[in-house]
């Protein structure tokens, strides 16, 4: 117990030492120890945009990271293998999505897809592993082939959309349903001709319009 207490104190010391660097920088630059740099941005916990964050064409997690859909299905197989870990994962994702999409600017600026959930991808390794193990060991060849075909399809789509983003075909912030399907599967696209299908630079879509 004594050793554990010492380790906890050491961890706290390291944490505050690292955090102090940021506070010291703010103090040096602005004269204040704490600086809120987001100005008018903040949380709106009464109106979280969870459906937008997951399904919208603007930055929807399921649209631009389709492997996440497969991974969430994998929770069923993880439950059959290890019932203790699934409740913890579900609580984590419920809390994380609520907090992340309670931010008023739920699309989080310029990025490909939902950058605010990137750190959560690591947790999806568990259900993916459980589901992959099931299809490798407990099903016939046809179902196994179908499963890995789906994996290949969603991974290829994700990679291709990342390429589109790098080439400027997928807009960094203002995607809409119409624009998404106009650019879908293409490697060459007249953005100037079709920019009328993008969001207005300062526009925020209503639920269901994205």
N, C-alpha and C. Protein backbone atom coordinates (compact mmCIF):
# COMPACT_ATOMS: atom_id res chain seq x y z
N UNK A 1 0.83 -1.21 0.00
CA UNK A 1 0.00 0.00 0.00
C UNK A 1 0.86 1.26 0.00
N UNK A 2 1.95 1.19 0.79
CA UNK A 2 2.85 2.33 0.87
C UNK A 2 3.48 2.59 -0.48
N UNK A 3 3.87 1.51 -1.18
CA UNK A 3 4.48 1.65 -2.49
C UNK A 3 3.49 2.23 -3.51
N UNK A 4 2.25 1.79 -3.43
CA UNK A 4 1.22 2.30 -4.34
C UNK A 4 0.98 3.79 -4.12
N UNK A 5 0.97 4.21 -2.86
CA UNK A 5 0.78 5.62 -2.52
C UNK A 5 1.93 6.46 -3.08
N UNK A 6 3.13 5.97 -2.99
CA UNK A 6 4.28 6.68 -3.52
C UNK A 6 4.22 6.79 -5.05
N UNK A 7 3.77 5.73 -5.68
CA UNK A 7 3.63 5.76 -7.13
C UNK A 7 2.56 6.76 -7.57
N UNK A 8 1.47 6.83 -6.79
CA UNK A 8 0.41 7.79 -7.10
C UNK A 8 0.92 9.22 -6.95
N UNK A 9 1.68 9.48 -5.89
CA UNK A 9 2.25 10.81 -5.70
C UNK A 9 3.22 11.17 -6.82
N UNK A 10 4.01 10.19 -7.25
CA UNK A 10 4.95 10.43 -8.35
C UNK A 10 4.20 10.75 -9.63
N UNK A 11 3.11 10.02 -9.89
CA UNK A 11 2.31 10.27 -11.10
C UNK A 11 1.71 11.67 -11.07
N UNK A 12 1.21 12.10 -9.90
CA UNK A 12 0.65 13.45 -9.76
C UNK A 12 1.73 14.50 -9.97
N UNK A 13 2.91 14.25 -9.43
CA UNK A 13 4.02 15.19 -9.59
C UNK A 13 4.40 15.35 -11.05
N UNK A 14 4.48 14.25 -11.78
CA UNK A 14 4.81 14.30 -13.20
C UNK A 14 3.73 15.05 -13.96
N UNK A 15 2.45 14.77 -13.63
CA UNK A 15 1.34 15.43 -14.31
C UNK A 15 1.40 16.94 -14.13
N UNK A 16 1.55 17.39 -12.88
CA UNK A 16 1.56 18.83 -12.63
C UNK A 16 2.82 19.50 -13.17
N UNK A 17 3.92 18.77 -13.23
CA UNK A 17 5.14 19.31 -13.82
C UNK A 17 4.94 19.60 -15.30
N UNK A 18 4.34 18.63 -16.01
CA UNK A 18 4.07 18.82 -17.44
C UNK A 18 3.05 19.93 -17.65
N UNK A 19 1.97 19.93 -16.84
CA UNK A 19 0.92 20.94 -16.99
C UNK A 19 1.46 22.34 -16.70
N UNK A 20 2.41 22.44 -15.80
CA UNK A 20 2.96 23.75 -15.43
C UNK A 20 3.62 24.44 -16.61
N UNK A 21 4.16 23.66 -17.54
CA UNK A 21 4.79 24.24 -18.73
C UNK A 21 3.78 25.09 -19.50
N UNK A 22 2.56 24.57 -19.67
CA UNK A 22 1.53 25.31 -20.38
C UNK A 22 1.13 26.57 -19.62
N UNK A 23 0.92 26.42 -18.31
CA UNK A 23 0.55 27.59 -17.50
C UNK A 23 1.64 28.65 -17.51
N UNK A 24 2.88 28.20 -17.45
CA UNK A 24 4.01 29.14 -17.46
C UNK A 24 4.07 29.87 -18.80
N UNK A 25 3.78 29.17 -19.89
CA UNK A 25 3.79 29.80 -21.21
C UNK A 25 2.70 30.86 -21.29
N UNK A 26 1.49 30.53 -20.83
CA UNK A 26 0.41 31.52 -20.83
C UNK A 26 0.80 32.75 -20.00
N UNK A 27 1.42 32.50 -18.86
CA UNK A 27 1.83 33.61 -17.99
C UNK A 27 2.86 34.50 -18.67
N UNK A 28 3.80 33.86 -19.38
CA UNK A 28 4.86 34.60 -20.06
C UNK A 28 4.30 35.44 -21.21
N UNK A 29 3.36 34.88 -21.98
CA UNK A 29 2.86 35.53 -23.18
C UNK A 29 1.78 36.56 -22.87
N UNK A 30 0.86 36.22 -21.95
CA UNK A 30 -0.31 37.08 -21.72
C UNK A 30 -0.32 37.78 -20.36
N UNK A 31 0.49 37.31 -19.45
CA UNK A 31 0.46 37.87 -18.10
C UNK A 31 -0.57 37.20 -17.20
N UNK A 32 -1.26 36.18 -17.73
CA UNK A 32 -2.26 35.45 -16.95
C UNK A 32 -1.88 33.97 -16.90
N UNK A 33 -2.17 33.36 -15.74
CA UNK A 33 -1.86 31.94 -15.58
C UNK A 33 -2.83 31.04 -16.35
N UNK A 34 -4.04 31.50 -16.54
CA UNK A 34 -5.05 30.70 -17.23
C UNK A 34 -5.68 31.52 -18.35
N UNK A 35 -5.67 30.98 -19.56
CA UNK A 35 -6.19 31.69 -20.73
C UNK A 35 -7.18 30.78 -21.45
N UNK A 36 -8.38 31.31 -21.69
CA UNK A 36 -9.38 30.58 -22.47
C UNK A 36 -9.34 31.11 -23.89
N UNK A 37 -8.82 30.31 -24.80
CA UNK A 37 -8.55 30.78 -26.16
C UNK A 37 -9.68 30.55 -27.15
N UNK A 38 -10.80 29.97 -26.69
CA UNK A 38 -11.89 29.65 -27.62
C UNK A 38 -12.94 30.76 -27.71
N UNK A 39 -12.72 31.85 -27.01
CA UNK A 39 -13.58 33.03 -27.08
C UNK A 39 -15.04 32.68 -26.80
N UNK A 40 -15.92 32.77 -27.82
CA UNK A 40 -17.34 32.55 -27.60
C UNK A 40 -17.75 31.09 -27.72
N UNK A 41 -16.83 30.20 -28.01
CA UNK A 41 -17.16 28.79 -28.13
C UNK A 41 -17.26 28.15 -26.75
N UNK A 42 -18.04 27.08 -26.68
CA UNK A 42 -18.19 26.40 -25.40
C UNK A 42 -19.17 25.25 -25.52
N UNK A 43 -19.55 24.68 -24.37
CA UNK A 43 -20.45 23.54 -24.34
C UNK A 43 -21.91 23.99 -24.23
N UNK A 44 -22.78 23.20 -24.82
CA UNK A 44 -24.22 23.36 -24.66
C UNK A 44 -24.77 21.98 -24.30
N UNK A 45 -24.73 21.67 -23.02
CA UNK A 45 -25.06 20.32 -22.57
C UNK A 45 -26.54 19.98 -22.72
N UNK A 46 -27.38 20.99 -22.91
CA UNK A 46 -28.81 20.73 -23.08
C UNK A 46 -29.17 20.41 -24.53
N UNK A 47 -28.28 20.70 -25.45
CA UNK A 47 -28.58 20.48 -26.87
C UNK A 47 -27.40 19.81 -27.57
N UNK A 48 -27.02 18.61 -27.16
CA UNK A 48 -25.92 17.91 -27.84
C UNK A 48 -26.32 17.52 -29.26
N UNK A 49 -25.36 17.58 -30.17
CA UNK A 49 -25.61 17.26 -31.58
C UNK A 49 -25.09 15.85 -31.89
N UNK A 50 -25.58 14.87 -31.17
CA UNK A 50 -25.06 13.51 -31.29
C UNK A 50 -25.38 12.92 -32.66
N UNK A 51 -26.61 13.07 -33.13
CA UNK A 51 -26.97 12.52 -34.43
C UNK A 51 -26.15 13.16 -35.55
N UNK A 52 -25.96 14.46 -35.47
CA UNK A 52 -25.11 15.14 -36.45
C UNK A 52 -23.68 14.61 -36.41
N UNK A 53 -23.16 14.49 -35.22
CA UNK A 53 -21.78 14.05 -35.06
C UNK A 53 -21.53 12.65 -35.57
N UNK A 54 -22.55 11.80 -35.51
CA UNK A 54 -22.39 10.41 -35.94
C UNK A 54 -22.79 10.19 -37.40
N UNK A 55 -23.84 10.88 -37.86
CA UNK A 55 -24.42 10.54 -39.15
C UNK A 55 -24.35 11.63 -40.22
N UNK A 56 -23.99 12.85 -39.86
CA UNK A 56 -24.09 13.93 -40.84
C UNK A 56 -23.03 13.79 -41.94
N UNK A 57 -23.36 14.35 -43.11
CA UNK A 57 -22.40 14.37 -44.21
C UNK A 57 -21.33 15.43 -43.97
N UNK A 58 -21.57 16.29 -43.02
CA UNK A 58 -20.57 17.33 -42.76
C UNK A 58 -19.32 16.73 -42.11
N UNK A 59 -19.51 15.99 -41.01
CA UNK A 59 -18.37 15.40 -40.31
C UNK A 59 -18.73 14.08 -39.64
N UNK A 60 -19.78 13.43 -40.08
CA UNK A 60 -20.28 12.26 -39.37
C UNK A 60 -19.25 11.15 -39.20
N UNK A 61 -19.12 10.67 -37.98
CA UNK A 61 -18.14 9.62 -37.66
C UNK A 61 -18.41 8.36 -38.48
N UNK A 62 -19.67 7.96 -38.58
CA UNK A 62 -20.01 6.75 -39.31
C UNK A 62 -19.84 6.93 -40.82
N UNK A 63 -19.96 8.15 -41.31
CA UNK A 63 -19.81 8.41 -42.75
C UNK A 63 -18.35 8.35 -43.17
N UNK A 64 -17.47 9.00 -42.41
CA UNK A 64 -16.07 9.12 -42.82
C UNK A 64 -15.15 8.11 -42.13
N UNK A 65 -15.66 7.39 -41.14
CA UNK A 65 -14.91 6.30 -40.52
C UNK A 65 -15.84 5.09 -40.45
N UNK A 66 -16.17 4.48 -41.59
CA UNK A 66 -17.16 3.40 -41.60
C UNK A 66 -16.75 2.18 -40.80
N UNK A 67 -15.46 2.01 -40.56
CA UNK A 67 -15.02 0.88 -39.75
C UNK A 67 -15.57 0.95 -38.34
N UNK A 68 -15.91 2.15 -37.89
CA UNK A 68 -16.47 2.30 -36.55
C UNK A 68 -17.83 1.60 -36.43
N UNK A 69 -18.59 1.55 -37.52
CA UNK A 69 -19.87 0.85 -37.51
C UNK A 69 -19.64 -0.64 -37.31
N UNK A 70 -18.68 -1.20 -38.05
CA UNK A 70 -18.34 -2.62 -37.91
C UNK A 70 -17.88 -2.92 -36.49
N UNK A 71 -17.07 -2.03 -35.95
CA UNK A 71 -16.54 -2.25 -34.60
C UNK A 71 -17.64 -2.25 -33.55
N UNK A 72 -18.61 -1.38 -33.69
CA UNK A 72 -19.70 -1.34 -32.72
C UNK A 72 -20.56 -2.60 -32.81
N UNK A 73 -20.72 -3.15 -34.01
CA UNK A 73 -21.39 -4.45 -34.14
C UNK A 73 -20.60 -5.52 -33.39
N UNK A 74 -19.29 -5.36 -33.38
CA UNK A 74 -18.42 -6.31 -32.70
C UNK A 74 -18.62 -6.38 -31.20
N UNK A 75 -19.30 -5.38 -30.62
CA UNK A 75 -19.59 -5.44 -29.18
C UNK A 75 -20.41 -6.68 -28.84
N UNK A 76 -21.25 -7.12 -29.76
CA UNK A 76 -22.04 -8.33 -29.53
C UNK A 76 -21.14 -9.54 -29.34
N UNK A 77 -20.10 -9.66 -30.16
CA UNK A 77 -19.18 -10.79 -30.07
C UNK A 77 -18.26 -10.65 -28.86
N UNK A 78 -17.91 -9.42 -28.52
CA UNK A 78 -17.11 -9.21 -27.33
C UNK A 78 -17.91 -9.58 -26.08
N UNK A 79 -19.21 -9.29 -26.10
CA UNK A 79 -20.07 -9.64 -24.96
C UNK A 79 -20.08 -11.15 -24.74
N UNK A 80 -20.12 -11.92 -25.81
CA UNK A 80 -20.12 -13.38 -25.68
C UNK A 80 -18.79 -13.90 -25.15
N UNK A 81 -17.72 -13.13 -25.40
CA UNK A 81 -16.38 -13.58 -24.99
C UNK A 81 -15.99 -13.05 -23.61
N UNK A 82 -16.35 -11.80 -23.33
CA UNK A 82 -15.94 -11.17 -22.07
C UNK A 82 -16.99 -10.15 -21.66
N UNK A 83 -17.94 -10.57 -20.86
CA UNK A 83 -19.06 -9.70 -20.48
C UNK A 83 -18.64 -8.53 -19.60
N UNK A 84 -17.47 -8.61 -18.99
CA UNK A 84 -17.05 -7.54 -18.08
C UNK A 84 -16.63 -6.28 -18.81
N UNK A 85 -16.07 -6.42 -20.00
CA UNK A 85 -15.51 -5.24 -20.68
C UNK A 85 -16.55 -4.44 -21.46
N UNK A 86 -17.63 -5.09 -21.89
CA UNK A 86 -18.61 -4.41 -22.73
C UNK A 86 -19.32 -3.26 -22.00
N UNK A 87 -19.81 -3.44 -20.76
CA UNK A 87 -20.44 -2.30 -20.07
C UNK A 87 -19.51 -1.10 -19.95
N UNK A 88 -18.24 -1.35 -19.65
CA UNK A 88 -17.28 -0.25 -19.52
C UNK A 88 -17.11 0.48 -20.85
N UNK A 89 -17.03 -0.27 -21.95
CA UNK A 89 -16.89 0.36 -23.26
C UNK A 89 -18.14 1.15 -23.63
N UNK A 90 -19.30 0.60 -23.33
CA UNK A 90 -20.54 1.30 -23.67
C UNK A 90 -20.68 2.59 -22.87
N UNK A 91 -20.34 2.54 -21.58
CA UNK A 91 -20.39 3.74 -20.76
C UNK A 91 -19.42 4.78 -21.30
N UNK A 92 -18.23 4.33 -21.65
CA UNK A 92 -17.23 5.26 -22.19
C UNK A 92 -17.76 5.96 -23.45
N UNK A 93 -18.29 5.19 -24.41
CA UNK A 93 -18.73 5.79 -25.67
C UNK A 93 -19.96 6.67 -25.48
N UNK A 94 -20.86 6.30 -24.58
CA UNK A 94 -22.02 7.14 -24.31
C UNK A 94 -21.59 8.48 -23.73
N UNK A 95 -20.71 8.44 -22.74
CA UNK A 95 -20.24 9.67 -22.11
C UNK A 95 -19.41 10.50 -23.09
N UNK A 96 -18.53 9.82 -23.83
CA UNK A 96 -17.65 10.54 -24.76
C UNK A 96 -18.44 11.23 -25.87
N UNK A 97 -19.39 10.52 -26.47
CA UNK A 97 -20.17 11.14 -27.54
C UNK A 97 -21.03 12.28 -27.03
N UNK A 98 -21.58 12.12 -25.82
CA UNK A 98 -22.38 13.20 -25.25
C UNK A 98 -21.53 14.45 -25.02
N UNK A 99 -20.38 14.28 -24.39
CA UNK A 99 -19.52 15.43 -24.10
C UNK A 99 -18.97 16.05 -25.38
N UNK A 100 -18.47 15.22 -26.28
CA UNK A 100 -17.84 15.73 -27.51
C UNK A 100 -18.83 16.50 -28.36
N UNK A 101 -20.04 15.98 -28.49
CA UNK A 101 -21.01 16.64 -29.37
C UNK A 101 -21.90 17.63 -28.63
N UNK A 102 -21.58 17.90 -27.37
CA UNK A 102 -22.20 19.01 -26.66
C UNK A 102 -21.46 20.32 -26.92
N UNK A 103 -20.26 20.19 -27.49
CA UNK A 103 -19.52 21.39 -27.90
C UNK A 103 -20.32 22.08 -29.00
N UNK A 104 -20.53 23.39 -28.86
CA UNK A 104 -21.41 24.09 -29.79
C UNK A 104 -20.94 23.98 -31.24
N UNK A 105 -19.65 24.06 -31.46
CA UNK A 105 -19.09 23.86 -32.78
C UNK A 105 -18.75 22.38 -32.92
N UNK A 106 -19.79 21.54 -32.98
CA UNK A 106 -19.63 20.09 -32.88
C UNK A 106 -18.80 19.50 -34.02
N UNK A 107 -18.61 20.21 -35.12
CA UNK A 107 -17.84 19.71 -36.27
C UNK A 107 -16.35 19.93 -36.06
N UNK A 108 -15.95 20.70 -35.07
CA UNK A 108 -14.56 20.86 -34.65
C UNK A 108 -13.63 21.37 -35.76
N UNK A 109 -14.11 22.34 -36.52
CA UNK A 109 -13.23 23.03 -37.45
C UNK A 109 -12.81 22.18 -38.63
N UNK A 110 -11.66 22.53 -39.20
CA UNK A 110 -11.19 21.88 -40.41
C UNK A 110 -10.51 20.56 -40.14
N UNK A 111 -11.04 19.50 -40.73
CA UNK A 111 -10.45 18.18 -40.55
C UNK A 111 -11.15 17.21 -41.48
N UNK A 112 -10.64 16.00 -41.54
CA UNK A 112 -11.32 14.93 -42.25
C UNK A 112 -12.15 14.15 -41.24
N UNK A 113 -13.46 14.17 -41.40
CA UNK A 113 -14.31 13.43 -40.48
C UNK A 113 -14.29 14.00 -39.07
N UNK A 114 -14.61 13.13 -38.12
CA UNK A 114 -14.73 13.56 -36.72
C UNK A 114 -13.41 13.39 -35.98
N UNK A 115 -12.62 14.44 -35.98
CA UNK A 115 -11.30 14.34 -35.35
C UNK A 115 -11.39 14.18 -33.83
N UNK A 116 -12.51 14.63 -33.24
CA UNK A 116 -12.63 14.57 -31.78
C UNK A 116 -12.78 13.15 -31.26
N UNK A 117 -13.08 12.19 -32.13
CA UNK A 117 -13.22 10.80 -31.70
C UNK A 117 -12.03 9.93 -32.11
N UNK A 118 -10.98 10.55 -32.60
CA UNK A 118 -9.81 9.78 -33.03
C UNK A 118 -9.24 8.95 -31.88
N UNK A 119 -9.14 9.55 -30.69
CA UNK A 119 -8.57 8.83 -29.55
C UNK A 119 -9.42 7.62 -29.17
N UNK A 120 -10.71 7.67 -29.50
CA UNK A 120 -11.61 6.56 -29.13
C UNK A 120 -11.43 5.35 -30.03
N UNK A 121 -10.75 5.50 -31.15
CA UNK A 121 -10.58 4.39 -32.06
C UNK A 121 -9.81 3.24 -31.41
N UNK A 122 -8.92 3.56 -30.50
CA UNK A 122 -8.13 2.51 -29.84
C UNK A 122 -9.03 1.53 -29.09
N UNK A 123 -10.11 2.02 -28.50
CA UNK A 123 -11.01 1.15 -27.75
C UNK A 123 -11.77 0.20 -28.67
N UNK A 124 -11.90 0.56 -29.94
CA UNK A 124 -12.63 -0.29 -30.87
C UNK A 124 -11.83 -1.52 -31.27
N UNK A 125 -10.55 -1.56 -30.92
CA UNK A 125 -9.74 -2.74 -31.24
C UNK A 125 -10.29 -3.99 -30.54
N UNK A 126 -10.86 -3.82 -29.36
CA UNK A 126 -11.36 -4.98 -28.61
C UNK A 126 -12.55 -5.65 -29.29
N UNK A 127 -13.61 -4.92 -29.63
CA UNK A 127 -14.72 -5.59 -30.33
C UNK A 127 -14.34 -6.08 -31.72
N UNK A 128 -13.46 -5.38 -32.43
CA UNK A 128 -13.02 -5.86 -33.74
C UNK A 128 -12.26 -7.18 -33.59
N UNK A 129 -11.40 -7.26 -32.58
CA UNK A 129 -10.64 -8.49 -32.36
C UNK A 129 -11.56 -9.65 -32.01
N UNK A 130 -12.56 -9.39 -31.15
CA UNK A 130 -13.49 -10.45 -30.76
C UNK A 130 -14.30 -10.94 -31.95
N UNK A 131 -14.76 -10.02 -32.78
CA UNK A 131 -15.55 -10.41 -33.94
C UNK A 131 -14.69 -11.14 -34.98
N UNK A 132 -13.48 -10.67 -35.18
CA UNK A 132 -12.58 -11.32 -36.14
C UNK A 132 -12.25 -12.74 -35.69
N UNK A 133 -12.00 -12.91 -34.40
CA UNK A 133 -11.74 -14.25 -33.87
C UNK A 133 -12.93 -15.18 -34.12
N UNK A 134 -14.13 -14.66 -33.92
CA UNK A 134 -15.33 -15.47 -34.14
C UNK A 134 -15.42 -15.93 -35.59
N UNK A 135 -15.20 -15.03 -36.53
CA UNK A 135 -15.34 -15.39 -37.94
C UNK A 135 -14.16 -16.22 -38.45
N UNK A 136 -13.06 -16.21 -37.73
CA UNK A 136 -11.93 -17.05 -38.10
C UNK A 136 -12.08 -18.47 -37.58
N UNK A 137 -12.80 -18.66 -36.48
CA UNK A 137 -12.80 -19.96 -35.81
C UNK A 137 -14.16 -20.63 -35.71
N UNK A 138 -15.25 -19.87 -35.83
CA UNK A 138 -16.56 -20.44 -35.48
C UNK A 138 -17.59 -20.41 -36.60
N UNK A 139 -17.21 -20.06 -37.80
CA UNK A 139 -18.17 -19.99 -38.90
C UNK A 139 -17.59 -20.68 -40.13
N UNK A 140 -18.46 -20.90 -41.12
CA UNK A 140 -18.02 -21.53 -42.34
C UNK A 140 -17.29 -20.59 -43.27
N UNK A 141 -16.78 -21.13 -44.36
CA UNK A 141 -15.95 -20.37 -45.30
C UNK A 141 -16.72 -19.22 -45.93
N UNK A 142 -18.00 -19.45 -46.28
CA UNK A 142 -18.78 -18.42 -46.95
C UNK A 142 -18.96 -17.20 -46.06
N UNK A 143 -19.36 -17.41 -44.80
CA UNK A 143 -19.56 -16.29 -43.87
C UNK A 143 -18.24 -15.61 -43.54
N UNK A 144 -17.17 -16.39 -43.47
CA UNK A 144 -15.85 -15.80 -43.20
C UNK A 144 -15.44 -14.90 -44.36
N UNK A 145 -15.66 -15.39 -45.58
CA UNK A 145 -15.32 -14.59 -46.76
C UNK A 145 -16.15 -13.31 -46.81
N UNK A 146 -17.44 -13.42 -46.49
CA UNK A 146 -18.31 -12.24 -46.48
C UNK A 146 -17.83 -11.22 -45.45
N UNK A 147 -17.45 -11.69 -44.28
CA UNK A 147 -16.99 -10.79 -43.22
C UNK A 147 -15.75 -10.02 -43.66
N UNK A 148 -14.75 -10.74 -44.15
CA UNK A 148 -13.52 -10.07 -44.55
C UNK A 148 -13.73 -9.22 -45.81
N UNK A 149 -14.73 -9.57 -46.61
CA UNK A 149 -15.07 -8.71 -47.74
C UNK A 149 -15.61 -7.37 -47.27
N UNK A 150 -16.45 -7.40 -46.22
CA UNK A 150 -16.98 -6.16 -45.65
C UNK A 150 -15.85 -5.32 -45.06
N UNK A 151 -14.94 -5.98 -44.34
CA UNK A 151 -13.80 -5.27 -43.76
C UNK A 151 -12.99 -4.59 -44.87
N UNK A 152 -12.71 -5.34 -45.93
CA UNK A 152 -11.94 -4.78 -47.05
C UNK A 152 -12.67 -3.60 -47.67
N UNK A 153 -13.99 -3.70 -47.79
CA UNK A 153 -14.77 -2.64 -48.40
C UNK A 153 -14.73 -1.35 -47.59
N UNK A 154 -14.98 -1.45 -46.26
CA UNK A 154 -15.03 -0.23 -45.45
C UNK A 154 -13.65 0.39 -45.28
N UNK A 155 -12.62 -0.44 -45.18
CA UNK A 155 -11.26 0.09 -45.06
C UNK A 155 -10.86 0.79 -46.37
N UNK A 156 -11.20 0.18 -47.50
CA UNK A 156 -10.88 0.79 -48.80
C UNK A 156 -11.61 2.11 -48.97
N UNK A 157 -12.88 2.15 -48.55
CA UNK A 157 -13.64 3.39 -48.64
C UNK A 157 -13.01 4.48 -47.79
N UNK A 158 -12.59 4.12 -46.58
CA UNK A 158 -11.96 5.09 -45.69
C UNK A 158 -10.66 5.64 -46.29
N UNK A 159 -9.85 4.74 -46.83
CA UNK A 159 -8.58 5.16 -47.44
C UNK A 159 -8.84 6.05 -48.65
N UNK A 160 -9.81 5.66 -49.48
CA UNK A 160 -10.11 6.44 -50.68
C UNK A 160 -10.63 7.83 -50.32
N UNK A 161 -11.50 7.90 -49.30
CA UNK A 161 -12.02 9.20 -48.89
C UNK A 161 -10.92 10.06 -48.29
N UNK A 162 -9.97 9.44 -47.61
CA UNK A 162 -8.82 10.18 -47.09
C UNK A 162 -8.02 10.77 -48.25
N UNK A 163 -7.87 9.98 -49.30
CA UNK A 163 -7.18 10.48 -50.51
C UNK A 163 -7.97 11.64 -51.11
N UNK A 164 -9.29 11.50 -51.21
CA UNK A 164 -10.11 12.59 -51.74
C UNK A 164 -9.92 13.86 -50.92
N UNK A 165 -9.88 13.69 -49.61
CA UNK A 165 -9.68 14.85 -48.74
C UNK A 165 -8.32 15.51 -49.00
N UNK A 166 -7.29 14.68 -49.14
CA UNK A 166 -5.95 15.21 -49.38
C UNK A 166 -5.86 15.96 -50.72
N UNK A 167 -6.73 15.58 -51.66
CA UNK A 167 -6.74 16.23 -52.97
C UNK A 167 -7.73 17.39 -53.03
N UNK A 168 -8.45 17.62 -51.95
CA UNK A 168 -9.37 18.74 -51.90
C UNK A 168 -10.76 18.44 -52.41
N UNK A 169 -11.05 17.18 -52.76
CA UNK A 169 -12.37 16.85 -53.26
C UNK A 169 -13.40 16.82 -52.13
N UNK A 170 -13.00 16.33 -50.98
CA UNK A 170 -13.84 16.40 -49.78
C UNK A 170 -13.46 17.67 -49.03
N UNK A 171 -14.43 18.52 -48.81
CA UNK A 171 -14.16 19.81 -48.18
C UNK A 171 -13.81 19.63 -46.70
N UNK A 172 -12.97 20.50 -46.20
CA UNK A 172 -12.47 20.38 -44.84
C UNK A 172 -13.51 20.71 -43.78
N UNK A 173 -14.64 21.36 -44.17
CA UNK A 173 -15.60 21.76 -43.14
C UNK A 173 -17.05 21.80 -43.62
N UNK A 174 -17.28 22.07 -44.90
CA UNK A 174 -18.62 22.44 -45.34
C UNK A 174 -19.33 21.41 -46.22
N UNK A 175 -19.06 20.14 -46.01
CA UNK A 175 -19.69 19.09 -46.80
C UNK A 175 -21.21 19.04 -46.56
N UNK A 176 -21.94 18.68 -47.61
CA UNK A 176 -23.39 18.44 -47.52
C UNK A 176 -23.69 17.10 -48.20
N UNK A 177 -24.91 16.65 -48.06
CA UNK A 177 -25.32 15.39 -48.69
C UNK A 177 -25.18 15.46 -50.21
N UNK A 178 -25.66 16.55 -50.80
CA UNK A 178 -25.59 16.70 -52.25
C UNK A 178 -24.15 16.69 -52.74
N UNK A 179 -23.31 17.45 -52.06
CA UNK A 179 -21.91 17.53 -52.49
C UNK A 179 -21.21 16.19 -52.30
N UNK A 180 -21.50 15.51 -51.19
CA UNK A 180 -20.86 14.20 -50.91
C UNK A 180 -21.13 13.22 -52.05
N UNK A 181 -22.37 13.11 -52.48
CA UNK A 181 -22.70 12.13 -53.52
C UNK A 181 -22.26 12.59 -54.90
N UNK A 182 -22.06 13.88 -55.09
CA UNK A 182 -21.50 14.35 -56.35
C UNK A 182 -20.03 13.98 -56.47
N UNK A 183 -19.32 13.97 -55.36
CA UNK A 183 -17.90 13.68 -55.38
C UNK A 183 -17.60 12.21 -55.11
N UNK A 184 -18.61 11.46 -54.71
CA UNK A 184 -18.40 10.07 -54.29
C UNK A 184 -17.75 9.24 -55.40
N UNK A 185 -16.65 8.59 -55.05
CA UNK A 185 -15.97 7.70 -55.98
C UNK A 185 -15.13 8.38 -57.04
N UNK A 186 -15.04 9.70 -56.99
CA UNK A 186 -14.34 10.43 -58.04
C UNK A 186 -12.94 10.84 -57.60
N UNK A 187 -12.05 10.93 -58.58
CA UNK A 187 -10.69 11.43 -58.32
C UNK A 187 -10.47 12.79 -58.99
N UNK A 188 -11.46 13.23 -59.76
CA UNK A 188 -11.37 14.54 -60.41
C UNK A 188 -12.75 15.19 -60.34
N UNK A 189 -12.78 16.45 -59.94
CA UNK A 189 -14.07 17.09 -59.66
C UNK A 189 -13.90 18.59 -59.78
N UNK A 190 -14.83 19.23 -60.47
CA UNK A 190 -14.79 20.69 -60.63
C UNK A 190 -15.41 21.33 -59.39
N UNK A 191 -14.58 21.69 -58.45
CA UNK A 191 -15.08 22.23 -57.17
C UNK A 191 -15.73 23.59 -57.36
N UNK A 192 -15.19 24.41 -58.24
CA UNK A 192 -15.77 25.74 -58.46
C UNK A 192 -17.18 25.65 -59.04
N UNK A 193 -17.37 24.70 -59.94
CA UNK A 193 -18.67 24.55 -60.57
C UNK A 193 -19.71 24.03 -59.58
N UNK A 194 -19.28 23.23 -58.63
CA UNK A 194 -20.22 22.58 -57.73
C UNK A 194 -20.20 23.13 -56.30
N UNK A 195 -19.49 24.22 -56.07
CA UNK A 195 -19.37 24.75 -54.71
C UNK A 195 -20.71 25.26 -54.16
N UNK A 196 -21.70 25.45 -55.04
CA UNK A 196 -23.02 25.88 -54.57
C UNK A 196 -23.66 24.81 -53.70
N UNK A 197 -23.15 23.59 -53.78
CA UNK A 197 -23.71 22.50 -52.98
C UNK A 197 -23.05 22.39 -51.60
N UNK A 198 -22.03 23.19 -51.36
CA UNK A 198 -21.40 23.22 -50.05
C UNK A 198 -22.19 24.10 -49.10
N UNK A 199 -21.92 23.95 -47.82
CA UNK A 199 -22.49 24.86 -46.84
C UNK A 199 -21.95 26.26 -47.06
N UNK A 200 -22.72 27.24 -46.63
CA UNK A 200 -22.18 28.60 -46.59
C UNK A 200 -21.06 28.63 -45.55
N UNK A 201 -20.03 29.46 -45.75
CA UNK A 201 -18.88 29.45 -44.84
C UNK A 201 -19.24 29.55 -43.37
N UNK A 202 -20.26 30.31 -43.03
CA UNK A 202 -20.63 30.47 -41.63
C UNK A 202 -21.93 29.75 -41.30
N UNK A 203 -22.41 28.92 -42.23
CA UNK A 203 -23.70 28.27 -42.04
C UNK A 203 -23.63 27.09 -41.10
N UNK A 204 -24.67 26.92 -40.31
CA UNK A 204 -24.78 25.73 -39.46
C UNK A 204 -26.08 25.04 -39.82
N UNK A 205 -25.98 23.78 -40.26
CA UNK A 205 -27.15 23.07 -40.73
C UNK A 205 -28.06 22.63 -39.59
N UNK A 206 -29.32 22.55 -39.90
CA UNK A 206 -30.26 22.01 -38.96
C UNK A 206 -30.20 20.49 -39.00
N UNK A 207 -30.71 19.84 -37.94
CA UNK A 207 -30.74 18.40 -37.91
C UNK A 207 -31.48 17.86 -39.13
N UNK A 208 -30.89 16.85 -39.75
CA UNK A 208 -31.51 16.21 -40.89
C UNK A 208 -31.13 16.82 -42.22
N UNK A 209 -30.51 17.99 -42.23
CA UNK A 209 -30.13 18.63 -43.48
C UNK A 209 -28.71 18.31 -43.91
N UNK A 210 -28.05 17.47 -43.12
CA UNK A 210 -26.61 17.33 -43.33
C UNK A 210 -26.24 16.03 -44.00
